[in-house]
């Protein structure tokens, strides 16, 4: 039997942040259909699969939502590093993950939690796509296009109160970005512990709303660093009832993303690939 862990990523305690399942590392990859079936069975935003290499601190890494394999996932990368360090006893200060479409990703221990080294994703201002304001229920101040659409909203309350039409979001955004997913974001209210608040609606990836999204912050961090004139910022993803916290620092073409993680479930799979 194989082991699997459920980890709340970008969280300092259970039942916050974003859950990801991490499967015990393989020596050889199982079939894609098997990995997709397990991810659908888990019904978490992502299930992470690892393959050992000849180097003890280097693994191949793939991520599956319940619907498809994705090219980059931050919270499941954080969860994978947490499992290697906290559950499987990796004694080093860092691990490296070779991915199929996002290159080499590094994760190292930090003062609180872990620090991930991810590629920055440029975003370009575009005209507001027809129907986006109606799908969101609010008129964006600005829209930018990258892997996902990014809608800048007037204030934190606008972000928190959204009740979007997810089917319309997917239709409207699919033609304007890589996939039918939309980030919404605003500068946070003054005096709080974070400077920027966001949410991420991902119907194009089979996820109605993602609780805490590292890949979205590869877009958000450079945009808000330019807007606010600061390379390091604290972000809060305001998923109702959970919420996740990320500290991001823009370093040229990379984004360093810090967050904590906590294991909530250890389970055994009564099956083999």
Protein backbone atom coordinates (compact mmCIF):
# COMPACT_ATOMS: atom_id res chain seq x y z
CA UNK A 1 0.00 0.00 0.00
CA UNK A 2 1.09 3.54 -0.71
CA UNK A 3 0.89 6.52 1.60
CA UNK A 4 -0.77 9.82 0.81
CA UNK A 5 -0.92 13.04 2.81
CA UNK A 6 -3.41 15.91 2.73
CA UNK A 7 -1.69 19.20 3.50
CA UNK A 8 -3.21 22.64 4.07
CA UNK A 9 -0.80 24.94 2.21
CA UNK A 10 -0.37 28.67 2.82
CA UNK A 11 -1.81 28.08 6.27
CA UNK A 12 -0.45 28.28 9.80
CA UNK A 13 -3.09 25.96 11.23
CA UNK A 14 -5.52 23.29 9.98
CA UNK A 15 -8.58 24.14 7.89
CA UNK A 16 -7.09 27.27 6.37
CA UNK A 17 -5.18 27.81 3.14
CA UNK A 18 -5.52 25.36 0.27
CA UNK A 19 -5.63 21.56 0.67
CA UNK A 20 -3.48 19.41 -1.60
CA UNK A 21 -2.93 15.68 -1.67
CA UNK A 22 0.67 14.47 -2.00
CA UNK A 23 1.35 10.86 -2.96
CA UNK A 24 4.45 9.02 -1.70
CA UNK A 25 7.24 9.36 -4.31
CA UNK A 26 7.43 6.79 -7.10
CA UNK A 27 10.51 5.18 -8.64
CA UNK A 28 8.81 5.15 -12.06
CA UNK A 29 5.81 7.14 -13.21
CA UNK A 30 2.43 5.41 -13.14
CA UNK A 31 0.16 5.89 -16.13
CA UNK A 32 -1.38 9.31 -16.72
CA UNK A 33 -4.88 7.84 -16.61
CA UNK A 34 -4.22 6.35 -13.17
CA UNK A 35 -2.93 9.66 -11.80
CA UNK A 36 -5.91 11.52 -13.24
CA UNK A 37 -8.31 8.98 -11.77
CA UNK A 38 -6.76 9.32 -8.31
CA UNK A 39 -6.91 13.12 -8.53
CA UNK A 40 -10.59 12.90 -9.44
CA UNK A 41 -11.14 10.52 -6.51
CA UNK A 42 -9.37 12.91 -4.11
CA UNK A 43 -11.45 15.88 -5.27
CA UNK A 44 -8.92 18.42 -4.03
CA UNK A 45 -7.79 21.34 -6.16
CA UNK A 46 -4.57 19.43 -6.86
CA UNK A 47 -2.99 16.06 -6.26
CA UNK A 48 0.82 16.13 -6.49
CA UNK A 49 2.83 13.18 -7.81
CA UNK A 50 6.58 12.87 -7.25
CA UNK A 51 9.23 10.68 -8.87
CA UNK A 52 12.61 10.07 -7.28
CA UNK A 53 15.83 10.78 -9.19
CA UNK A 54 19.45 9.78 -8.63
CA UNK A 55 19.88 12.94 -6.51
CA UNK A 56 18.26 12.69 -3.05
CA UNK A 57 17.19 16.35 -3.01
CA UNK A 58 15.77 16.41 -6.55
CA UNK A 59 12.38 15.05 -7.66
CA UNK A 60 10.24 15.20 -10.74
CA UNK A 61 6.84 16.74 -9.97
CA UNK A 62 3.45 16.72 -11.70
CA UNK A 63 0.10 18.20 -10.63
CA UNK A 64 -3.44 17.07 -11.48
CA UNK A 65 -6.75 18.77 -10.72
CA UNK A 66 -9.86 16.55 -10.69
CA UNK A 67 -10.22 17.44 -14.40
CA UNK A 68 -6.74 17.76 -15.94
CA UNK A 69 -2.96 18.05 -15.55
CA UNK A 70 -1.76 21.63 -15.02
CA UNK A 71 1.60 23.23 -15.96
CA UNK A 72 2.21 24.95 -12.61
CA UNK A 73 0.76 24.74 -9.10
CA UNK A 74 2.12 26.64 -6.15
CA UNK A 75 0.21 25.25 -3.20
CA UNK A 76 0.79 21.61 -4.18
CA UNK A 77 4.50 22.35 -4.64
CA UNK A 78 4.59 23.82 -1.14
CA UNK A 79 2.68 20.78 0.14
CA UNK A 80 5.13 18.42 -1.60
CA UNK A 81 8.13 20.11 0.01
CA UNK A 82 6.38 20.01 3.38
CA UNK A 83 5.81 16.26 3.04
CA UNK A 84 9.44 15.65 2.11
CA UNK A 85 10.73 17.74 5.03
CA UNK A 86 8.17 17.01 7.73
CA UNK A 87 6.81 13.55 6.92
CA UNK A 88 9.62 11.77 5.06
CA UNK A 89 12.55 13.22 7.00
CA UNK A 90 14.51 15.11 4.35
CA UNK A 91 17.37 16.68 6.31
CA UNK A 92 18.59 19.22 3.75
CA UNK A 93 17.79 22.91 3.63
CA UNK A 94 16.22 22.77 0.15
CA UNK A 95 14.62 20.48 -2.41
CA UNK A 96 14.35 20.90 -6.16
CA UNK A 97 11.50 19.88 -8.43
CA UNK A 98 11.89 19.29 -12.15
CA UNK A 99 8.60 20.02 -13.93
CA UNK A 100 7.46 19.45 -17.48
CA UNK A 101 6.44 23.00 -18.42
CA UNK A 102 7.67 25.29 -15.63
CA UNK A 103 11.31 24.30 -15.46
CA UNK A 104 13.18 23.75 -12.22
CA UNK A 105 11.45 24.95 -9.05
CA UNK A 106 13.22 25.27 -5.72
CA UNK A 107 11.80 25.19 -2.20
CA UNK A 108 13.88 25.96 0.89
CA UNK A 109 13.23 26.15 4.58
CA UNK A 110 12.44 29.67 5.82
CA UNK A 111 12.18 31.24 9.26
CA UNK A 112 8.46 30.48 9.19
CA UNK A 113 7.52 27.75 6.75
CA UNK A 114 9.06 27.55 3.29
CA UNK A 115 10.26 29.79 0.45
CA UNK A 116 9.54 28.81 -3.16
CA UNK A 117 11.46 30.05 -6.21
CA UNK A 118 8.98 30.38 -9.10
CA UNK A 119 9.01 32.01 -12.54
CA UNK A 120 7.38 35.45 -12.75
CA UNK A 121 4.56 35.58 -15.28
CA UNK A 122 4.19 38.88 -17.18
CA UNK A 123 0.74 40.43 -17.55
CA UNK A 124 -0.31 42.92 -20.21
CA UNK A 125 -3.14 45.48 -19.84
CA UNK A 126 -6.05 44.75 -22.18
CA UNK A 127 -9.48 46.17 -22.85
CA UNK A 128 -12.11 44.70 -20.53
CA UNK A 129 -13.51 41.68 -22.42
CA UNK A 130 -17.17 41.96 -23.32
CA UNK A 131 -19.30 40.38 -20.62
CA UNK A 132 -16.62 40.21 -17.92
CA UNK A 133 -18.14 42.93 -15.73
CA UNK A 134 -21.53 41.22 -15.94
CA UNK A 135 -19.97 37.83 -15.10
CA UNK A 136 -18.20 39.28 -12.06
CA UNK A 137 -21.00 41.58 -10.97
CA UNK A 138 -18.64 44.57 -10.75
CA UNK A 139 -16.84 46.84 -13.23
CA UNK A 140 -13.04 46.33 -13.02
CA UNK A 141 -10.76 49.33 -12.78
CA UNK A 142 -8.27 47.52 -15.03
CA UNK A 143 -7.91 44.14 -16.73
CA UNK A 144 -4.64 42.43 -17.56
CA UNK A 145 -4.03 39.25 -19.52
CA UNK A 146 -1.51 36.50 -18.77
CA UNK A 147 -2.04 32.77 -18.26
CA UNK A 148 -5.25 33.94 -16.58
CA UNK A 149 -7.17 37.18 -16.71
CA UNK A 150 -6.51 39.57 -13.82
CA UNK A 151 -9.25 42.05 -12.90
CA UNK A 152 -8.24 44.91 -10.60
CA UNK A 153 -11.20 45.95 -8.44
CA UNK A 154 -11.86 49.18 -6.53
CA UNK A 155 -11.32 47.93 -2.97
CA UNK A 156 -11.09 44.97 -0.62
CA UNK A 157 -14.85 44.88 -0.04
CA UNK A 158 -15.43 44.45 -3.77
CA UNK A 159 -13.17 41.40 -3.79
CA UNK A 160 -14.69 39.80 -0.71
CA UNK A 161 -18.32 40.33 -1.71
CA UNK A 162 -18.10 38.82 -5.22
CA UNK A 163 -20.63 36.17 -6.19
CA UNK A 164 -19.64 35.64 -9.82
CA UNK A 165 -21.39 33.68 -12.56
CA UNK A 166 -18.77 30.96 -13.06
CA UNK A 167 -20.16 29.62 -16.33
CA UNK A 168 -20.02 33.12 -17.84
CA UNK A 169 -16.53 33.69 -16.43
CA UNK A 170 -15.25 30.61 -18.22
CA UNK A 171 -16.85 31.61 -21.53
CA UNK A 172 -15.71 35.24 -21.36
CA UNK A 173 -12.13 34.60 -20.23
CA UNK A 174 -11.35 31.51 -22.30
CA UNK A 175 -10.84 33.56 -25.45
CA UNK A 176 -8.76 36.22 -23.69
CA UNK A 177 -6.26 34.04 -21.76
CA UNK A 178 -4.77 30.56 -21.72
CA UNK A 179 -7.71 29.06 -19.83
CA UNK A 180 -11.13 30.15 -18.61
CA UNK A 181 -9.90 31.38 -15.20
CA UNK A 182 -9.95 34.84 -13.58
CA UNK A 183 -8.02 36.41 -10.71
CA UNK A 184 -9.62 39.39 -8.97
CA UNK A 185 -7.53 41.64 -6.76
CA UNK A 186 -7.43 44.99 -4.96
CA UNK A 187 -5.26 46.91 -2.58
CA UNK A 188 -6.20 45.90 0.96
CA UNK A 189 -7.83 48.22 3.48
CA UNK A 190 -5.24 50.27 5.43
CA UNK A 191 -3.99 48.98 8.76
CA UNK A 192 -4.26 45.26 8.11
CA UNK A 193 -1.53 42.59 8.08
CA UNK A 194 -1.42 42.39 4.25
CA UNK A 195 -1.24 44.91 1.40
CA UNK A 196 -3.12 43.08 -1.35
CA UNK A 197 -6.22 40.88 -1.33
CA UNK A 198 -7.33 38.52 -4.09
CA UNK A 199 -9.54 35.61 -5.12
CA UNK A 200 -9.14 33.10 -7.95
CA UNK A 201 -12.01 31.59 -9.92
CA UNK A 202 -10.84 28.62 -12.01
CA UNK A 203 -13.80 26.92 -13.73
CA UNK A 204 -11.58 26.35 -16.78
CA UNK A 205 -9.44 24.02 -14.65
CA UNK A 206 -12.39 22.27 -13.03
CA UNK A 207 -12.14 24.32 -9.79
CA UNK A 208 -14.97 26.77 -9.04
CA UNK A 209 -12.81 28.82 -6.64
CA UNK A 210 -9.29 28.03 -5.45
CA UNK A 211 -8.54 28.87 -1.80
CA UNK A 212 -4.84 29.89 -2.10
CA UNK A 213 -3.01 29.89 -5.41
CA UNK A 214 0.75 30.17 -5.77
CA UNK A 215 0.64 30.29 -9.58
CA UNK A 216 -1.72 33.28 -9.48
CA UNK A 217 0.83 35.17 -7.38
CA UNK A 218 3.44 34.73 -10.11
CA UNK A 219 1.17 37.22 -11.94
CA UNK A 220 -0.02 39.24 -8.95
CA UNK A 221 3.38 39.91 -7.38
CA UNK A 222 4.97 41.71 -10.38
CA UNK A 223 1.77 43.68 -11.07
CA UNK A 224 1.40 44.95 -7.50
CA UNK A 225 5.13 45.48 -7.03
CA UNK A 226 4.96 47.93 -9.94
CA UNK A 227 1.75 49.57 -8.70
CA UNK A 228 2.91 50.03 -5.09
CA UNK A 229 6.63 50.51 -5.69
CA UNK A 230 7.65 47.65 -3.38
CA UNK A 231 9.36 44.42 -4.38
CA UNK A 232 8.15 42.52 -1.28
CA UNK A 233 4.47 42.42 -0.32
CA UNK A 234 2.13 40.39 1.89
CA UNK A 235 -0.89 38.97 0.09
CA UNK A 236 -4.13 37.45 1.40
CA UNK A 237 -6.32 35.23 -0.76
CA UNK A 238 -9.81 35.76 0.62
CA UNK A 239 -11.55 32.46 -0.07
CA UNK A 240 -14.71 32.57 2.08
CA UNK A 241 -14.30 30.65 5.31
CA UNK A 242 -10.60 29.75 4.83
CA UNK A 243 -8.19 32.30 3.40
CA UNK A 244 -4.49 31.87 2.66
CA UNK A 245 -1.46 34.06 3.35
CA UNK A 246 1.56 34.49 1.07
CA UNK A 247 4.60 36.75 1.22
CA UNK A 248 6.00 37.46 -2.24
CA UNK A 249 9.23 39.10 -3.35
CA UNK A 250 9.92 39.94 -6.98
CA UNK A 251 13.51 39.14 -8.00
CA UNK A 252 13.90 39.96 -11.67
CA UNK A 253 12.21 37.20 -13.67
CA UNK A 254 11.51 35.14 -10.53
CA UNK A 255 9.06 35.41 -7.65
CA UNK A 256 9.96 34.14 -4.18
CA UNK A 257 6.78 32.96 -2.45
CA UNK A 258 6.79 32.22 1.27
CA UNK A 259 4.11 30.33 3.16
CA UNK A 260 3.48 27.82 5.88
CA UNK A 261 1.87 24.37 5.67
CA UNK A 262 0.34 21.83 8.02
CA UNK A 263 -0.46 18.14 7.53
CA UNK A 264 -4.07 17.30 8.34
CA UNK A 265 -4.45 13.71 7.08
CA UNK A 266 -2.13 10.74 6.55
CA UNK A 267 -3.78 7.93 4.63
CA UNK A 268 -2.94 4.64 2.92
CA UNK A 269 -4.06 3.85 -0.60
CA UNK A 270 -5.35 0.28 -0.91
CA UNK A 271 -4.34 0.09 -4.55
CA UNK A 272 -1.31 0.14 -6.81
CA UNK A 273 -0.88 1.84 -10.18
